[in-house]
Protein backbone atom coordinates (compact mmCIF):
# COMPACT_ATOMS: atom_id res chain seq x y z
CA UNK A 1 -57.03 2.96 48.98
CA UNK A 2 -58.01 5.27 51.84
CA UNK A 3 -56.10 8.29 53.12
CA UNK A 4 -53.86 7.69 56.08
CA UNK A 5 -55.11 8.84 59.44
CA UNK A 6 -53.75 12.23 60.33
CA UNK A 7 -54.23 15.74 59.10
CA UNK A 8 -54.78 15.15 55.38
CA UNK A 9 -58.24 16.56 54.78
CA UNK A 10 -57.93 19.36 57.36
CA UNK A 11 -60.06 22.35 56.34
CA UNK A 12 -58.97 25.92 57.05
CA UNK A 13 -61.19 28.99 57.21
CA UNK A 14 -60.52 32.64 58.10
CA UNK A 15 -62.57 35.44 59.56
CA UNK A 16 -61.52 39.09 59.46
CA UNK A 17 -63.14 39.53 62.87
CA UNK A 18 -62.55 39.07 66.57
CA UNK A 19 -64.94 36.80 68.49
CA UNK A 20 -67.21 38.41 71.08
CA UNK A 21 -65.96 35.84 73.60
CA UNK A 22 -62.86 33.69 73.40
CA UNK A 23 -64.65 30.35 73.67
CA UNK A 24 -66.15 27.91 71.18
CA UNK A 25 -69.49 29.78 71.06
CA UNK A 26 -67.78 33.12 70.38
CA UNK A 27 -65.68 31.68 67.57
CA UNK A 28 -68.56 29.64 66.10
CA UNK A 29 -70.65 32.83 65.81
CA UNK A 30 -68.17 34.40 63.35
CA UNK A 31 -68.59 34.28 59.58
CA UNK A 32 -65.95 31.98 58.10
CA UNK A 33 -64.39 31.98 54.63
CA UNK A 34 -62.70 28.73 53.53
CA UNK A 35 -59.09 28.83 52.32
CA UNK A 36 -57.58 26.24 50.02
CA UNK A 37 -54.06 25.46 48.85
CA UNK A 38 -52.55 25.22 52.36
CA UNK A 39 -49.33 23.24 52.30
CA UNK A 40 -48.13 23.14 55.88
CA UNK A 41 -48.47 24.84 59.24
CA UNK A 42 -46.47 25.02 62.41
CA UNK A 43 -48.04 23.28 65.36
CA UNK A 44 -50.80 25.23 67.08
CA UNK A 45 -50.66 25.68 70.84
CA UNK A 46 -49.23 27.76 73.65
CA UNK A 47 -45.61 27.92 74.74
CA UNK A 48 -44.84 28.45 78.40
CA UNK A 49 -41.94 30.08 80.18
CA UNK A 50 -40.78 28.39 83.34
CA UNK A 51 -39.96 30.22 86.55
CA UNK A 52 -37.04 28.39 88.14
CA UNK A 53 -35.71 28.35 91.67
CA UNK A 54 -32.72 26.32 92.78
CA UNK A 55 -32.48 25.70 96.51
CA UNK A 56 -28.82 26.10 97.37
CA UNK A 57 -29.09 23.79 100.38
CA UNK A 58 -30.33 20.83 98.31
CA UNK A 59 -29.25 21.73 94.80
CA UNK A 60 -32.76 20.86 93.62
CA UNK A 61 -34.30 23.06 90.91
CA UNK A 62 -38.05 23.59 91.12
CA UNK A 63 -40.07 24.94 88.19
CA UNK A 64 -43.44 26.64 88.13
CA UNK A 65 -45.37 27.81 85.10
CA UNK A 66 -44.77 31.42 84.13
CA UNK A 67 -45.88 33.49 81.14
CA UNK A 68 -47.91 31.78 78.42
CA UNK A 69 -47.45 32.74 74.77
CA UNK A 70 -49.38 31.60 71.71
CA UNK A 71 -46.26 32.26 69.68
CA UNK A 72 -45.80 33.25 66.08
CA UNK A 73 -46.88 30.28 63.98
CA UNK A 74 -45.96 29.85 60.35
CA UNK A 75 -47.95 28.46 57.46
CA UNK A 76 -47.44 28.17 53.69
CA UNK A 77 -49.88 28.25 50.84
CA UNK A 78 -49.97 28.14 47.05
CA UNK A 79 -51.25 31.40 45.58
CA UNK A 80 -54.79 31.42 44.20
CA UNK A 81 -56.09 34.98 43.69
CA UNK A 82 -59.65 33.65 43.27
CA UNK A 83 -59.61 32.05 46.75
CA UNK A 84 -61.63 34.27 49.12
CA UNK A 85 -59.91 32.86 52.22
CA UNK A 86 -56.51 33.70 50.78
CA UNK A 87 -57.81 37.21 50.07
CA UNK A 88 -58.47 37.68 53.80
CA UNK A 89 -54.89 36.62 54.57
CA UNK A 90 -53.31 38.74 51.82
CA UNK A 91 -55.38 41.84 52.64
CA UNK A 92 -54.70 41.68 56.39
CA UNK A 93 -51.05 40.59 56.36
CA UNK A 94 -48.85 43.17 58.04
CA UNK A 95 -51.79 45.23 59.29
CA UNK A 96 -53.06 45.97 62.78
CA UNK A 97 -56.29 44.08 62.01
CA UNK A 98 -56.99 40.98 64.07
CA UNK A 99 -58.11 37.83 62.31
CA UNK A 100 -59.44 34.46 63.42
CA UNK A 101 -58.53 31.03 62.06
CA UNK A 102 -60.56 27.81 62.23
CA UNK A 103 -58.89 24.45 61.56
CA UNK A 104 -61.32 21.55 61.19
CA UNK A 105 -59.58 18.18 61.35
CA UNK A 106 -60.84 15.10 59.51
CA UNK A 107 -62.04 13.60 62.81
CA UNK A 108 -64.31 16.64 63.38
CA UNK A 109 -62.17 18.27 66.05
CA UNK A 110 -61.76 22.03 65.67
CA UNK A 111 -59.13 24.46 66.88
CA UNK A 112 -59.78 28.20 66.82
CA UNK A 113 -56.99 30.79 66.89
CA UNK A 114 -56.98 34.58 67.01
CA UNK A 115 -54.21 37.06 66.32
CA UNK A 116 -52.48 39.22 63.74
CA UNK A 117 -50.79 38.34 60.47
CA UNK A 118 -47.18 39.27 59.74
CA UNK A 119 -46.27 40.56 56.27
CA UNK A 120 -46.20 37.82 53.65
CA UNK A 121 -43.00 36.44 52.14
CA UNK A 122 -42.80 34.91 48.69
CA UNK A 123 -42.00 31.20 48.69
CA UNK A 124 -38.40 30.37 47.74
CA UNK A 125 -37.84 30.15 43.99
CA UNK A 126 -36.52 26.91 42.54
CA UNK A 127 -37.30 24.66 39.59
CA UNK A 128 -39.52 22.55 41.88
CA UNK A 129 -41.34 25.27 43.78
CA UNK A 130 -44.74 26.89 43.37
CA UNK A 131 -45.79 30.52 43.48
CA UNK A 132 -47.10 31.15 46.93
CA UNK A 133 -46.42 32.62 50.33
CA UNK A 134 -44.91 31.87 53.69
CA UNK A 135 -47.01 33.57 56.32
CA UNK A 136 -47.13 33.92 60.09
CA UNK A 137 -49.95 34.30 62.58
CA UNK A 138 -49.02 35.93 65.90
CA UNK A 139 -51.46 34.13 68.20
CA UNK A 140 -52.82 36.53 70.83
CA UNK A 141 -55.23 34.31 72.79
CA UNK A 142 -55.26 30.77 74.06
CA UNK A 143 -56.29 28.28 71.38
CA UNK A 144 -59.84 27.00 71.75
CA UNK A 145 -60.30 23.30 71.00
CA UNK A 146 -63.63 21.55 70.54
């Protein structure tokens, strides 16, 4: 049986650095540390605010793109103190240090993100939960897709 098409098999890696340029070459030049035990992530990508104008003579509303925001994107992971990628996340969470994230999808496509990590929260406790963290990345640049 083969895995279903989708995101199963996506590989995550972190860098405690900012790229020299915010393009694929700048991100590719960074040193990357793999991170395992990822459970889920929010969707990656920009949100946009719309500037609206309603013409009173026609009643028609017209929208134009306004501010663009990478948002604050959540992710969850099972704790593994021996995982060097998790160490980057844990050590930089809640700090002013910028970090970079690389997601490599099973089809070879890559998305690079850059921003700052919010403080970590312990996962909810229940009989069916694992010890781990809910985390957030405040994305401060447009995602770069290859």
